[in-house]
Amino acid sequence: MALARNTDPQTSHEAAARVSNTSATQRTILQLLAFPRSDEELVRAFEELAKSGLADYASPSGIRTRRAELTDMGYVEDSELRTKTASGRTAIVWMLTEAGRNA
């Protein structure tokens, strides 16, 4: 199945071409969640890896989406711990499940 339709704008085709790194992004997230983190902390750690050339670039929303996918897959779960974001809001601290540790 095509990731973008022939009638979609060029930006959609460019975005579809970048989807191929989704599994690599998910693998990086699994590695980063060996230490439980909030989404904000996860994004910050991921961006540091990308800046150093150890991961492909992913947008903050893309990183959060990949983490949510991993949660849906049973690899990541709510640790029941909470932390504060930079703006002072409460955030879930995510952790690997046993399946996530073995992935």
Protein backbone atom coordinates (compact mmCIF):
# COMPACT_ATOMS: atom_id res chain seq x y z
CA MET A 1 0.00 0.00 0.00
CA ALA A 2 1.29 3.46 -0.89
CA LEU A 3 2.12 5.79 1.96
CA ALA A 4 1.01 8.84 -0.02
CA ARG A 5 -1.56 9.12 -2.80
CA ASN A 6 -0.67 10.45 -6.23
CA THR A 7 -2.98 13.39 -5.55
CA ASP A 8 -1.29 14.29 -2.22
CA PRO A 9 0.94 17.38 -2.08
CA GLN A 10 4.72 17.01 -2.34
CA THR A 11 5.11 17.50 1.42
CA SER A 12 3.05 14.33 2.00
CA HIS A 13 5.32 12.36 -0.32
CA GLU A 14 8.38 13.69 1.50
CA ALA A 15 6.90 12.72 4.87
CA ALA A 16 6.00 9.25 3.57
CA ALA A 17 9.59 8.73 2.44
CA ARG A 18 10.77 9.40 6.00
CA VAL A 19 8.44 6.81 7.56
CA SER A 20 10.95 4.09 6.75
CA ASN A 21 12.93 4.96 9.90
CA THR A 22 9.98 4.22 12.18
CA SER A 23 11.33 0.89 13.40
CA ALA A 24 14.77 2.42 13.96
CA THR A 25 13.11 5.18 15.98
CA GLN A 26 11.23 2.62 18.03
CA ARG A 27 14.44 0.67 18.71
CA THR A 28 16.14 3.85 19.89
CA ILE A 29 13.21 4.61 22.18
CA LEU A 30 13.41 1.12 23.67
CA GLN A 31 17.10 1.68 24.39
CA LEU A 32 16.44 5.07 25.96
CA LEU A 33 13.65 3.70 28.15
CA ALA A 34 16.05 1.27 29.82
CA PHE A 35 16.00 4.18 32.26
CA PRO A 36 12.38 5.25 32.94
CA ARG A 37 11.58 8.69 31.51
CA SER A 38 8.72 11.06 30.81
CA ASP A 39 7.95 11.92 27.20
CA GLU A 40 9.70 15.27 27.70
CA GLU A 41 12.83 13.53 29.02
CA LEU A 42 12.61 10.93 26.25
CA VAL A 43 12.45 13.62 23.56
CA ARG A 44 15.41 15.46 25.08
CA ALA A 45 17.52 12.26 25.26
CA PHE A 46 16.53 11.28 21.71
CA GLU A 47 17.46 14.72 20.37
CA GLU A 48 20.88 14.46 22.05
CA LEU A 49 21.50 11.14 20.29
CA ALA A 50 20.40 12.63 16.98
CA LYS A 51 22.68 15.66 17.44
CA SER A 52 25.62 13.34 18.05
CA GLY A 53 24.76 11.30 14.94
CA LEU A 54 23.75 8.18 16.90
CA ALA A 55 20.08 8.33 15.83
CA ASP A 56 18.15 9.68 12.86
CA TYR A 57 16.21 12.88 13.42
CA ALA A 58 12.61 12.47 14.61
CA SER A 59 10.25 15.26 15.60
CA PRO A 60 9.07 15.49 19.23
CA SER A 61 5.55 14.50 18.16
CA GLY A 62 6.96 11.59 16.16
CA ILE A 63 8.93 10.39 19.18
CA ARG A 64 5.82 10.56 21.37
CA THR A 65 3.82 8.73 18.70
CA ARG A 66 6.43 5.96 18.43
CA ARG A 67 6.43 5.64 22.24
CA ALA A 68 2.62 5.36 22.19
CA GLU A 69 2.89 2.65 19.52
CA LEU A 70 5.35 0.77 21.72
CA THR A 71 2.89 1.12 24.60
CA ASP A 72 0.12 -0.32 22.41
CA MET A 73 2.46 -3.19 21.47
CA GLY A 74 3.03 -4.00 25.15
CA TYR A 75 6.70 -2.96 25.24
CA VAL A 76 6.28 0.22 27.31
CA GLU A 77 4.02 0.93 30.27
CA ASP A 78 3.15 3.59 32.82
CA SER A 79 5.54 3.16 35.75
CA GLU A 80 2.96 4.81 38.02
CA LEU A 81 5.64 7.38 38.86
CA ARG A 82 5.07 11.03 38.01
CA THR A 83 7.43 13.90 37.38
CA LYS A 84 7.05 17.58 36.51
CA THR A 85 7.62 18.98 33.04
CA ALA A 86 9.56 22.16 32.42
CA SER A 87 6.22 24.00 32.45
CA GLY A 88 5.29 22.50 35.83
CA ARG A 89 2.71 20.01 34.59
CA THR A 90 2.57 16.46 35.88
CA ALA A 91 3.86 13.83 33.44
CA ILE A 92 3.81 10.03 33.33
CA VAL A 93 7.17 8.31 33.69
CA TRP A 94 7.30 5.50 31.12
CA MET A 95 9.22 2.26 31.56
CA LEU A 96 9.89 -0.94 29.64
CA THR A 97 7.78 -4.01 30.24
CA GLU A 98 9.43 -7.42 30.35
CA ALA A 99 8.57 -7.79 26.66
CA GLY A 100 10.17 -4.41 25.99
CA ARG A 101 13.35 -5.44 27.81
CA ASN A 102 13.50 -8.59 25.67
CA ALA A 103 12.66 -6.88 22.37
